[in-house]
Amino acid sequence: MIVVTGATGNVGRPLVEALAAVGEQVTAVSRRPGGTELPEGVRHHQADLADPGSLRPALDGADALFLLFAGELLTGERPVRELLETAGSAGVRRVVVLSSQAAETRPQAISHAPLRALEEAVRASGLDWTVLRPGGFGSNAFAWAESVRTRRTVAAPFGDVGLPVVDPADIAEVAAATLRGRGHAGRTYELTGPAPVSPRQQAQTIGDALGEPVRFTELSPEQARAELLRFMPEPVADGTLDILGEPTAAEQRVSPDVERVLGRPPRAFADWAMRNIAAFR
């Protein structure tokens, strides 16, 4: 059995679907009650990873765990360490953890220090581990959904700076492959899309999928920071802007790892836009 934490999110939901589609026994874990929209046969378990003991019943009979920690749980090592100890004592032998590309590309950044600590804890856990380091998510474009629906406008900073954003569906498929297959223990995979795409190009791509033009408005870094601070801690907002505005060569590079694991190229942002265009209509 495979336990998937963060099972209702942009990666967890398609991961649960991918595993269920190939006949795996899956327990989907989320903090909120639910389970009604899960694939047939998938068990739901409500747990808060801040309380590792609340996850213990879901781990009975499990041999693999997909681990996704929300930002507020990454402020200290104790919840991570306790959860990994709980998983090991329950018989879990394999853990796949969702980290971030910036844990490697920005080793001194305060904003990603918790993810580096998470990776270190996983590597020291005694379990077979795989670390997934995605770049920016294509699904971050959902932040523009309301403005596109109501005004056919996208507002973002650094309009012509391109990054190879990754489709969460690709992250989910890589996670499924590493949870199920052999040869992934002790490996770290960097996950990107097939080519850099700028915010201006993303706005045009959404417009193409809609069949209507979408106007791009460039925000100043100060305006963008004010928006990010509405839902991000200050170090995370500043770290995000650093990546968006002054990406390193490594952050703009297209990684071969999606194709290496899945045997096909990563999906383009245009694919993501077409599949999710209902959110922008």
Protein backbone atom coordinates (compact mmCIF):
# COMPACT_ATOMS: atom_id res chain seq x y z
CA MET A 1 0.00 0.00 0.00
CA ILE A 2 1.10 3.56 -0.73
CA VAL A 3 0.24 6.51 1.53
CA VAL A 4 0.01 9.92 -0.14
CA THR A 5 0.09 13.03 2.04
CA GLY A 6 -1.14 16.34 0.65
CA ALA A 7 -3.57 14.24 -1.36
CA THR A 8 -5.94 17.06 -2.33
CA GLY A 9 -3.29 19.41 -3.76
CA ASN A 10 -1.94 20.13 -7.23
CA VAL A 11 0.47 17.19 -7.05
CA GLY A 12 -1.23 14.90 -4.55
CA ARG A 13 -4.55 14.68 -6.38
CA PRO A 14 -3.12 13.53 -9.75
CA LEU A 15 -0.68 11.26 -7.91
CA VAL A 16 -3.54 9.46 -6.16
CA GLU A 17 -5.35 9.14 -9.50
CA ALA A 18 -2.24 7.81 -11.27
CA LEU A 19 -1.60 5.20 -8.58
CA ALA A 20 -5.23 4.10 -8.43
CA ALA A 21 -5.36 3.81 -12.23
CA VAL A 22 -2.67 1.10 -12.20
CA GLY A 23 -4.32 -0.83 -9.38
CA GLU A 24 -2.25 0.26 -6.39
CA GLN A 25 -3.82 0.26 -2.95
CA VAL A 26 -3.73 3.92 -1.88
CA THR A 27 -4.49 5.84 1.29
CA ALA A 28 -5.01 9.53 0.60
CA VAL A 29 -4.16 11.78 3.55
CA SER A 30 -5.37 15.34 4.02
CA ARG A 31 -5.92 17.68 6.94
CA ARG A 32 -9.57 18.23 6.07
CA PRO A 33 -12.40 15.71 6.12
CA GLY A 34 -13.23 14.42 2.68
CA GLY A 35 -12.63 11.57 0.34
CA THR A 36 -15.80 11.91 -1.69
CA GLU A 37 -13.93 12.91 -4.85
CA LEU A 38 -11.27 10.22 -4.62
CA PRO A 39 -11.04 7.41 -7.18
CA GLU A 40 -12.98 4.27 -6.37
CA GLY A 41 -11.15 2.05 -3.92
CA VAL A 42 -8.92 4.79 -2.47
CA ARG A 43 -9.13 5.10 1.29
CA HIS A 44 -9.14 8.57 2.88
CA HIS A 45 -7.50 9.37 6.20
CA GLN A 46 -7.65 12.73 7.94
CA ALA A 47 -4.40 13.68 9.66
CA ASP A 48 -2.33 16.71 10.55
CA LEU A 49 1.37 16.16 9.90
CA ALA A 50 2.16 18.53 12.75
CA ASP A 51 0.93 15.62 14.90
CA PRO A 52 2.80 12.57 13.52
CA GLY A 53 0.70 10.27 15.68
CA SER A 54 -2.42 11.24 13.74
CA LEU A 55 -0.86 9.67 10.63
CA ARG A 56 -0.04 6.37 12.35
CA PRO A 57 -3.34 4.56 11.53
CA ALA A 58 -2.92 5.35 7.83
CA LEU A 59 0.51 3.69 7.78
CA ASP A 60 -0.66 0.23 8.85
CA GLY A 61 0.19 -2.12 6.00
CA ALA A 62 1.96 0.57 3.97
CA ASP A 63 5.34 0.06 2.37
CA ALA A 64 5.75 3.45 0.67
CA LEU A 65 5.03 7.06 1.60
CA PHE A 66 4.79 10.23 -0.46
CA LEU A 67 5.71 13.09 1.83
CA LEU A 68 4.61 16.67 1.25
CA PHE A 69 5.03 19.13 4.10
CA ALA A 70 3.13 22.41 4.04
CA GLY A 71 5.24 25.50 4.61
CA GLU A 72 4.15 26.12 8.17
CA LEU A 73 5.32 22.63 9.18
CA LEU A 74 8.83 23.26 7.91
CA THR A 75 9.75 25.72 10.63
CA GLY A 76 11.46 23.01 12.69
CA GLU A 77 12.96 19.56 12.28
CA ARG A 78 11.00 17.84 15.02
CA PRO A 79 7.72 17.13 13.12
CA VAL A 80 9.68 15.80 10.13
CA ARG A 81 11.94 13.57 12.23
CA GLU A 82 9.05 12.24 14.33
CA LEU A 83 6.97 11.51 11.25
CA LEU A 84 9.79 9.60 9.58
CA GLU A 85 10.36 7.60 12.77
CA THR A 86 6.62 6.85 12.91
CA ALA A 87 6.65 5.70 9.29
CA GLY A 88 9.66 3.46 9.81
CA SER A 89 8.21 1.86 12.92
CA ALA A 90 4.98 1.16 11.02
CA GLY A 91 6.85 -0.82 8.36
CA VAL A 92 7.24 1.81 5.64
CA ARG A 93 10.43 1.16 3.70
CA ARG A 94 10.33 3.75 0.93
CA VAL A 95 9.74 7.50 1.12
CA VAL A 96 9.49 9.98 -1.76
CA VAL A 97 9.67 13.59 -0.64
CA LEU A 98 8.65 16.71 -2.54
CA SER A 99 11.27 19.42 -2.12
CA SER A 100 12.26 22.29 -4.44
CA GLN A 101 14.88 23.01 -7.07
CA ALA A 102 15.96 26.03 -5.02
CA ALA A 103 17.10 23.76 -2.19
CA GLU A 104 20.06 23.08 -4.48
CA THR A 105 20.32 26.23 -6.59
CA ARG A 106 20.09 28.66 -3.64
CA PRO A 107 22.00 26.91 -0.84
CA GLN A 108 22.33 30.06 1.27
CA ALA A 109 18.75 31.30 0.85
CA ILE A 110 16.83 31.63 4.11
CA SER A 111 13.58 31.00 2.23
CA HIS A 112 14.54 27.42 1.36
CA ALA A 113 16.51 26.42 4.46
CA PRO A 114 13.55 24.39 5.80
CA LEU A 115 13.46 22.30 2.63
CA ARG A 116 17.17 21.61 2.89
CA ALA A 117 16.59 20.45 6.48
CA LEU A 118 13.72 18.25 5.27
CA GLU A 119 15.97 16.60 2.69
CA GLU A 120 18.68 16.00 5.28
CA ALA A 121 16.18 14.38 7.64
CA VAL A 122 14.88 12.09 4.89
CA ARG A 123 18.39 11.03 3.88
CA ALA A 124 19.23 10.25 7.51
CA SER A 125 15.98 8.35 8.15
CA GLY A 126 17.26 4.86 7.32
CA LEU A 127 14.47 4.47 4.73
CA ASP A 128 14.95 4.08 1.00
CA TRP A 129 14.51 7.67 -0.13
CA THR A 130 14.00 9.66 -3.32
CA VAL A 131 13.96 13.46 -3.43
CA LEU A 132 11.97 15.33 -6.08
CA ARG A 133 13.06 18.92 -6.73
CA PRO A 134 10.61 20.66 -9.07
CA GLY A 135 11.12 24.16 -10.39
CA GLY A 136 8.22 26.61 -10.55
CA PHE A 137 4.79 25.04 -11.03
CA GLY A 138 2.80 25.80 -14.16
CA SER A 139 -0.25 25.75 -11.88
CA ASN A 140 0.96 28.97 -10.22
CA ALA A 141 -0.90 30.58 -13.14
CA PHE A 142 -4.12 29.82 -11.27
CA ALA A 143 -3.31 33.02 -9.36
CA TRP A 144 -4.32 34.90 -12.53
CA ALA A 145 -7.63 33.07 -13.00
CA GLU A 146 -9.89 35.76 -11.53
CA SER A 147 -8.27 38.62 -13.46
CA VAL A 148 -8.40 36.63 -16.70
CA ARG A 149 -12.05 35.70 -16.16
CA THR A 150 -13.17 39.22 -15.33
CA ARG A 151 -10.78 41.49 -17.25
CA ARG A 152 -8.79 39.24 -19.63
CA THR A 153 -5.64 40.56 -17.94
CA VAL A 154 -2.55 39.01 -16.35
CA ALA A 155 -0.40 41.12 -14.02
CA ALA A 156 3.03 39.84 -12.99
CA PRO A 157 6.59 41.06 -12.48
CA PHE A 158 9.57 40.32 -14.72
CA GLY A 159 7.40 39.84 -17.78
CA ASP A 160 10.14 38.65 -20.12
CA VAL A 161 12.16 36.44 -17.76
CA GLY A 162 11.63 32.80 -18.71
CA LEU A 163 11.72 29.75 -16.47
CA PRO A 164 11.01 26.12 -17.47
CA VAL A 165 7.91 25.75 -15.29
CA VAL A 166 6.81 22.17 -14.69
CA ASP A 167 3.35 20.67 -15.01
CA PRO A 168 2.20 19.24 -11.64
CA ALA A 169 0.86 16.24 -13.56
CA ASP A 170 4.45 15.43 -14.56
CA ILE A 171 5.58 15.72 -10.95
CA ALA A 172 2.79 13.32 -9.99
CA GLU A 173 3.76 10.81 -12.67
CA VAL A 174 7.41 10.91 -11.62
CA ALA A 175 6.35 10.45 -8.00
CA ALA A 176 4.20 7.45 -8.98
CA ALA A 177 7.09 5.90 -10.88
CA THR A 178 9.52 6.35 -8.00
CA LEU A 179 7.03 5.02 -5.44
CA ARG A 180 6.33 1.90 -7.50
CA GLY A 181 9.54 1.13 -9.38
CA ARG A 182 13.05 0.05 -8.53
CA GLY A 183 16.26 1.91 -9.15
CA HIS A 184 15.19 5.22 -7.62
CA ALA A 185 16.47 4.80 -4.05
CA GLY A 186 19.09 7.37 -3.13
CA ARG A 187 18.30 9.46 -6.22
CA THR A 188 17.46 13.17 -6.45
CA TYR A 189 15.48 14.27 -9.50
CA GLU A 190 15.20 17.85 -10.72
CA LEU A 191 11.88 18.35 -12.52
CA THR A 192 11.26 21.08 -15.09
CA GLY A 193 9.19 21.74 -18.16
CA PRO A 194 10.58 21.42 -21.70
CA ALA A 195 11.54 25.07 -22.27
CA PRO A 196 11.69 28.42 -20.46
CA VAL A 197 8.45 30.37 -20.68
CA SER A 198 8.01 33.96 -19.47
CA PRO A 199 4.94 35.42 -17.73
CA ARG A 200 4.14 37.38 -20.89
CA GLN A 201 4.29 34.17 -22.93
CA GLN A 202 2.13 32.36 -20.38
CA ALA A 203 -0.51 35.09 -20.67
CA GLN A 204 -0.48 34.73 -24.46
CA THR A 205 -0.73 30.95 -24.16
CA ILE A 206 -3.78 31.23 -21.90
CA GLY A 207 -5.31 33.64 -24.40
CA ASP A 208 -4.64 31.19 -27.24
CA ALA A 209 -6.38 28.45 -25.26
CA LEU A 210 -9.34 30.77 -24.63
CA GLY A 211 -9.48 31.97 -28.21
CA GLU A 212 -9.38 35.56 -26.94
CA PRO A 213 -6.49 37.95 -26.31
CA VAL A 214 -5.24 38.31 -22.74
CA ARG A 215 -3.43 41.55 -21.97
CA PHE A 216 -0.22 41.43 -19.95
CA THR A 217 0.55 44.14 -17.38
CA GLU A 218 3.99 44.19 -15.79
CA LEU A 219 4.11 44.77 -12.04
CA SER A 220 7.07 46.47 -10.41
CA PRO A 221 9.05 44.31 -7.97
CA GLU A 222 7.61 46.41 -5.14
CA GLN A 223 4.04 45.82 -6.29
CA ALA A 224 4.68 42.11 -6.69
CA ARG A 225 6.25 41.88 -3.24
CA ALA A 226 3.23 43.53 -1.65
CA GLU A 227 0.98 40.95 -3.33
CA LEU A 228 3.13 38.01 -2.23
CA LEU A 229 3.25 39.22 1.36
CA ARG A 230 -0.51 38.77 1.54
CA PHE A 231 -0.01 35.00 1.73
CA MET A 232 3.74 34.35 2.13
CA PRO A 233 6.21 35.00 4.95
CA GLU A 234 8.68 37.76 4.10
CA PRO A 235 11.73 35.49 3.49
CA VAL A 236 9.71 33.27 1.14
CA ALA A 237 8.33 36.25 -0.77
CA ASP A 238 11.80 37.72 -1.19
CA GLY A 239 13.26 34.37 -2.22
CA THR A 240 10.49 33.89 -4.77
CA LEU A 241 11.11 37.30 -6.31
CA ASP A 242 14.84 36.60 -6.50
CA ILE A 243 14.16 33.48 -8.55
CA LEU A 244 11.56 35.15 -10.77
CA GLY A 245 13.66 38.24 -11.43
CA GLU A 246 17.24 36.99 -11.41
CA PRO A 247 17.22 33.24 -12.00
CA THR A 248 20.52 31.43 -12.03
CA ALA A 249 21.65 29.52 -15.09
CA ALA A 250 20.72 26.30 -13.26
CA GLU A 251 17.18 27.58 -12.67
CA GLN A 252 16.74 28.36 -16.37
CA ARG A 253 18.18 25.04 -17.50
CA VAL A 254 15.86 22.30 -18.75
CA SER A 255 16.45 19.15 -16.74
CA PRO A 256 16.44 15.73 -18.44
CA ASP A 257 15.02 13.99 -15.37
CA VAL A 258 11.30 13.92 -16.30
CA GLU A 259 12.16 12.20 -19.58
CA ARG A 260 14.73 10.00 -17.84
CA VAL A 261 12.11 8.64 -15.44
CA LEU A 262 9.00 8.63 -17.66
CA GLY A 263 10.52 7.92 -21.07
CA ARG A 264 8.84 10.94 -22.64
CA PRO A 265 9.48 14.70 -22.70
CA PRO A 266 7.83 16.89 -20.06
CA ARG A 267 4.54 18.58 -20.91
CA ALA A 268 4.62 22.16 -22.18
CA PHE A 269 2.83 25.01 -20.42
CA ALA A 270 0.38 25.06 -23.34
CA ASP A 271 -0.72 21.53 -22.40
CA TRP A 272 -1.37 22.62 -18.83
CA ALA A 273 -3.33 25.68 -20.02
CA MET A 274 -5.57 23.63 -22.33
CA ARG A 275 -6.38 21.09 -19.62
CA ASN A 276 -7.22 23.77 -17.07
CA ILE A 277 -8.76 26.46 -19.26
CA ALA A 278 -12.16 26.15 -17.56
CA ALA A 279 -10.67 28.04 -14.59
CA PHE A 280 -10.01 31.05 -16.83
CA ARG A 281 -13.29 31.24 -18.75
